[in-house]
Amino acid sequence: MSNTTVNAVQLELAIRQLEKRNTAQRESLAEFVKYYREFEKKEKLDRNRHIELICMKLEDVYYGRTKRLMINVPPRSLKTQIVSIAFPAWCL
């Protein structure tokens, strides 16, 4: 294989991986929050149950399955980052 062919294959693979990641972020708030934390804050996000649960309940609000939602978690648990920053961005 020539160098040009190898580069074209690598480019196509990179494009497919980006499309797959973007689709996952559009469909899942949890994936979007993970991407947001890694991109904006330059930190790796540990996927804890409370983050998954908050994202799942916010998705229910977005899709109209839940009309009211109150989130009570201790400070420093990413509640503000998820609810006030990432969720409105994901909705848009």
N, C-alpha and C. Protein backbone atom coordinates (compact mmCIF):
# COMPACT_ATOMS: atom_id res chain seq x y z
N MET A 1 0.85 -1.19 0.00
CA MET A 1 0.00 0.00 0.00
C MET A 1 0.89 1.24 0.00
N SER A 2 0.43 2.22 -0.73
CA SER A 2 1.20 3.45 -0.78
C SER A 2 0.90 4.31 0.44
N ASN A 3 1.73 5.27 0.66
CA ASN A 3 1.58 6.17 1.80
C ASN A 3 0.28 6.96 1.69
N THR A 4 -0.10 7.34 0.49
CA THR A 4 -1.34 8.09 0.27
C THR A 4 -2.56 7.25 0.64
N THR A 5 -2.53 5.98 0.29
CA THR A 5 -3.64 5.08 0.61
C THR A 5 -3.77 4.90 2.11
N VAL A 6 -2.66 4.73 2.79
CA VAL A 6 -2.66 4.57 4.25
C VAL A 6 -3.23 5.83 4.91
N ASN A 7 -2.81 7.00 4.44
CA ASN A 7 -3.33 8.25 5.00
C ASN A 7 -4.83 8.39 4.76
N ALA A 8 -5.30 7.99 3.60
CA ALA A 8 -6.72 8.07 3.30
C ALA A 8 -7.53 7.13 4.20
N VAL A 9 -7.00 5.95 4.44
CA VAL A 9 -7.67 4.99 5.32
C VAL A 9 -7.71 5.51 6.75
N GLN A 10 -6.62 6.07 7.23
CA GLN A 10 -6.57 6.64 8.57
C GLN A 10 -7.54 7.81 8.72
N LEU A 11 -7.62 8.65 7.70
CA LEU A 11 -8.55 9.77 7.72
C LEU A 11 -9.99 9.28 7.78
N GLU A 12 -10.33 8.29 6.97
CA GLU A 12 -11.68 7.75 6.96
C GLU A 12 -12.03 7.13 8.31
N LEU A 13 -11.10 6.43 8.93
CA LEU A 13 -11.32 5.85 10.24
C LEU A 13 -11.55 6.93 11.29
N ALA A 14 -10.77 7.99 11.25
CA ALA A 14 -10.93 9.09 12.20
C ALA A 14 -12.29 9.77 12.02
N ILE A 15 -12.72 9.95 10.79
CA ILE A 15 -14.02 10.57 10.54
C ILE A 15 -15.14 9.70 11.08
N ARG A 16 -15.05 8.40 10.87
CA ARG A 16 -16.10 7.49 11.37
C ARG A 16 -16.15 7.48 12.89
N GLN A 17 -14.99 7.53 13.54
CA GLN A 17 -14.97 7.57 15.00
C GLN A 17 -15.59 8.86 15.53
N LEU A 18 -15.30 9.98 14.89
CA LEU A 18 -15.91 11.25 15.30
C LEU A 18 -17.42 11.24 15.10
N GLU A 19 -17.89 10.70 14.00
CA GLU A 19 -19.33 10.62 13.76
C GLU A 19 -20.01 9.74 14.79
N LYS A 20 -19.38 8.64 15.16
CA LYS A 20 -19.94 7.74 16.17
C LYS A 20 -20.02 8.44 17.52
N ARG A 21 -18.96 9.17 17.89
CA ARG A 21 -18.94 9.88 19.17
C ARG A 21 -19.99 10.99 19.18
N ASN A 22 -20.11 11.73 18.09
CA ASN A 22 -21.09 12.81 18.02
C ASN A 22 -22.51 12.29 18.11
N THR A 23 -22.79 11.16 17.49
CA THR A 23 -24.11 10.56 17.57
C THR A 23 -24.42 10.14 19.00
N ALA A 24 -23.45 9.54 19.68
CA ALA A 24 -23.66 9.12 21.07
C ALA A 24 -23.92 10.33 21.97
N GLN A 25 -23.23 11.44 21.72
CA GLN A 25 -23.42 12.64 22.54
C GLN A 25 -24.78 13.27 22.30
N ARG A 26 -25.30 13.19 21.08
CA ARG A 26 -26.62 13.74 20.80
C ARG A 26 -27.72 12.91 21.44
N GLU A 27 -27.51 11.62 21.55
CA GLU A 27 -28.54 10.73 22.06
C GLU A 27 -28.49 10.57 23.57
N SER A 28 -27.37 10.82 24.21
CA SER A 28 -27.22 10.58 25.64
C SER A 28 -26.62 11.80 26.33
N LEU A 29 -27.34 12.31 27.31
CA LEU A 29 -26.84 13.44 28.09
C LEU A 29 -25.59 13.04 28.86
N ALA A 30 -25.54 11.82 29.35
CA ALA A 30 -24.37 11.36 30.11
C ALA A 30 -23.11 11.39 29.24
N GLU A 31 -23.22 10.98 27.99
CA GLU A 31 -22.08 11.03 27.08
C GLU A 31 -21.68 12.48 26.81
N PHE A 32 -22.66 13.36 26.68
CA PHE A 32 -22.37 14.77 26.45
C PHE A 32 -21.67 15.39 27.65
N VAL A 33 -22.11 15.04 28.86
CA VAL A 33 -21.49 15.57 30.08
C VAL A 33 -20.04 15.09 30.16
N LYS A 34 -19.81 13.84 29.83
CA LYS A 34 -18.45 13.30 29.84
C LYS A 34 -17.57 14.07 28.86
N TYR A 35 -18.07 14.29 27.66
CA TYR A 35 -17.31 15.05 26.66
C TYR A 35 -17.07 16.47 27.13
N TYR A 36 -18.10 17.11 27.70
CA TYR A 36 -17.99 18.48 28.17
C TYR A 36 -16.89 18.61 29.22
N ARG A 37 -16.88 17.70 30.20
CA ARG A 37 -15.87 17.77 31.26
C ARG A 37 -14.46 17.57 30.71
N GLU A 38 -14.32 16.65 29.77
CA GLU A 38 -13.00 16.40 29.21
C GLU A 38 -12.54 17.54 28.30
N PHE A 39 -13.47 18.15 27.59
CA PHE A 39 -13.11 19.23 26.67
C PHE A 39 -12.93 20.55 27.39
N GLU A 40 -13.91 20.93 28.19
CA GLU A 40 -13.92 22.25 28.84
C GLU A 40 -13.00 22.31 30.05
N LYS A 41 -13.10 21.34 30.92
CA LYS A 41 -12.35 21.38 32.18
C LYS A 41 -11.03 20.63 32.12
N LYS A 42 -10.80 19.91 31.03
CA LYS A 42 -9.57 19.13 30.86
C LYS A 42 -9.39 18.11 31.99
N GLU A 43 -10.51 17.54 32.44
CA GLU A 43 -10.49 16.54 33.50
C GLU A 43 -11.22 15.30 33.02
N LYS A 44 -10.75 14.15 33.45
CA LYS A 44 -11.44 12.91 33.13
C LYS A 44 -12.58 12.74 34.13
N LEU A 45 -13.75 12.42 33.61
CA LEU A 45 -14.93 12.29 34.46
C LEU A 45 -15.11 10.83 34.87
N ASP A 46 -15.18 10.61 36.17
CA ASP A 46 -15.50 9.27 36.67
C ASP A 46 -17.01 9.09 36.58
N ARG A 47 -17.44 8.04 35.91
CA ARG A 47 -18.86 7.79 35.71
C ARG A 47 -19.45 7.17 36.96
N ASN A 48 -20.00 7.99 37.83
CA ASN A 48 -20.63 7.52 39.05
C ASN A 48 -22.13 7.37 38.85
N ARG A 49 -22.75 6.62 39.75
CA ARG A 49 -24.18 6.36 39.63
C ARG A 49 -25.01 7.63 39.74
N HIS A 50 -24.59 8.56 40.60
CA HIS A 50 -25.39 9.77 40.77
C HIS A 50 -25.38 10.62 39.50
N ILE A 51 -24.26 10.63 38.77
CA ILE A 51 -24.20 11.39 37.52
C ILE A 51 -25.10 10.75 36.48
N GLU A 52 -25.04 9.43 36.37
CA GLU A 52 -25.90 8.71 35.42
C GLU A 52 -27.37 8.93 35.76
N LEU A 53 -27.72 8.90 37.04
CA LEU A 53 -29.11 9.08 37.45
C LEU A 53 -29.60 10.50 37.17
N ILE A 54 -28.78 11.50 37.47
CA ILE A 54 -29.16 12.89 37.18
C ILE A 54 -29.39 13.06 35.68
N CYS A 55 -28.50 12.53 34.89
CA CYS A 55 -28.63 12.65 33.43
C CYS A 55 -29.88 11.93 32.93
N MET A 56 -30.16 10.76 33.49
CA MET A 56 -31.33 10.00 33.07
C MET A 56 -32.62 10.77 33.42
N LYS A 57 -32.67 11.36 34.60
CA LYS A 57 -33.86 12.12 35.00
C LYS A 57 -34.01 13.40 34.18
N LEU A 58 -32.90 14.04 33.84
CA LEU A 58 -32.98 15.24 33.00
C LEU A 58 -33.42 14.90 31.58
N GLU A 59 -33.02 13.74 31.09
CA GLU A 59 -33.51 13.29 29.78
C GLU A 59 -35.02 13.06 29.83
N ASP A 60 -35.52 12.54 30.96
CA ASP A 60 -36.97 12.37 31.13
C ASP A 60 -37.68 13.72 31.07
N VAL A 61 -37.07 14.74 31.67
CA VAL A 61 -37.64 16.09 31.61
C VAL A 61 -37.65 16.58 30.16
N TYR A 62 -36.56 16.39 29.47
CA TYR A 62 -36.45 16.85 28.08
C TYR A 62 -37.50 16.20 27.18
N TYR A 63 -37.70 14.92 27.35
CA TYR A 63 -38.65 14.20 26.50
C TYR A 63 -40.09 14.29 27.00
N GLY A 64 -40.33 15.00 28.11
CA GLY A 64 -41.68 15.23 28.59
C GLY A 64 -42.25 14.12 29.45
N ARG A 65 -41.44 13.16 29.85
CA ARG A 65 -41.93 12.07 30.70
C ARG A 65 -42.01 12.49 32.15
N THR A 66 -41.30 13.55 32.52
CA THR A 66 -41.31 14.09 33.88
C THR A 66 -41.61 15.58 33.79
N LYS A 67 -42.58 16.02 34.55
CA LYS A 67 -42.95 17.44 34.53
C LYS A 67 -42.21 18.25 35.58
N ARG A 68 -41.90 17.65 36.73
CA ARG A 68 -41.22 18.35 37.80
C ARG A 68 -40.06 17.51 38.29
N LEU A 69 -38.97 18.18 38.62
CA LEU A 69 -37.80 17.45 39.08
C LEU A 69 -37.06 18.29 40.12
N MET A 70 -36.75 17.67 41.24
CA MET A 70 -35.95 18.31 42.27
C MET A 70 -34.73 17.43 42.50
N ILE A 71 -33.56 18.02 42.45
CA ILE A 71 -32.32 17.27 42.61
C ILE A 71 -31.66 17.70 43.91
N ASN A 72 -31.52 16.76 44.82
CA ASN A 72 -30.87 17.01 46.11
C ASN A 72 -29.67 16.10 46.25
N VAL A 73 -28.50 16.66 46.03
CA VAL A 73 -27.26 15.93 46.22
C VAL A 73 -26.29 16.85 46.96
N PRO A 74 -25.29 16.27 47.61
CA PRO A 74 -24.34 17.10 48.35
C PRO A 74 -23.56 18.05 47.44
N PRO A 75 -23.00 19.10 48.02
CA PRO A 75 -22.16 20.01 47.23
C PRO A 75 -20.98 19.27 46.61
N ARG A 76 -20.46 19.83 45.53
CA ARG A 76 -19.30 19.31 44.81
C ARG A 76 -19.58 17.97 44.15
N SER A 77 -20.83 17.77 43.71
CA SER A 77 -21.17 16.51 43.04
C SER A 77 -21.56 16.74 41.58
N LEU A 78 -21.14 17.87 41.01
CA LEU A 78 -21.36 18.25 39.61
C LEU A 78 -22.81 18.60 39.28
N LYS A 79 -23.61 18.85 40.27
CA LYS A 79 -25.02 19.18 40.02
C LYS A 79 -25.14 20.45 39.17
N THR A 80 -24.46 21.50 39.52
CA THR A 80 -24.56 22.75 38.78
C THR A 80 -23.99 22.60 37.38
N GLN A 81 -22.87 21.93 37.25
CA GLN A 81 -22.26 21.73 35.93
C GLN A 81 -23.20 20.97 35.00
N ILE A 82 -23.89 19.97 35.54
CA ILE A 82 -24.78 19.15 34.71
C ILE A 82 -26.07 19.90 34.41
N VAL A 83 -26.73 20.41 35.46
CA VAL A 83 -28.07 20.97 35.31
C VAL A 83 -28.06 22.36 34.66
N SER A 84 -27.13 23.21 35.05
CA SER A 84 -27.17 24.60 34.59
C SER A 84 -26.32 24.88 33.36
N ILE A 85 -25.36 24.02 33.06
CA ILE A 85 -24.49 24.30 31.93
C ILE A 85 -24.64 23.24 30.82
N ALA A 86 -24.43 21.99 31.18
CA ALA A 86 -24.42 20.93 30.15
C ALA A 86 -25.84 20.62 29.63
N PHE A 87 -26.82 20.58 30.51
CA PHE A 87 -28.18 20.23 30.07
C PHE A 87 -28.76 21.23 29.08
N PRO A 88 -28.70 22.55 29.35
CA PRO A 88 -29.21 23.49 28.33
C PRO A 88 -28.44 23.41 27.01
N ALA A 89 -27.14 23.21 27.08
CA ALA A 89 -26.34 23.08 25.85
C ALA A 89 -26.76 21.83 25.08
N TRP A 90 -26.98 20.74 25.79
CA TRP A 90 -27.41 19.48 25.13
C TRP A 90 -28.79 19.65 24.51
N CYS A 91 -29.67 20.38 25.18
CA CYS A 91 -31.02 20.60 24.63
C CYS A 91 -30.96 21.40 23.33
N LEU A 92 -30.06 22.35 23.28
CA LEU A 92 -29.95 23.17 22.07
C LEU A 92 -29.32 22.38 20.96
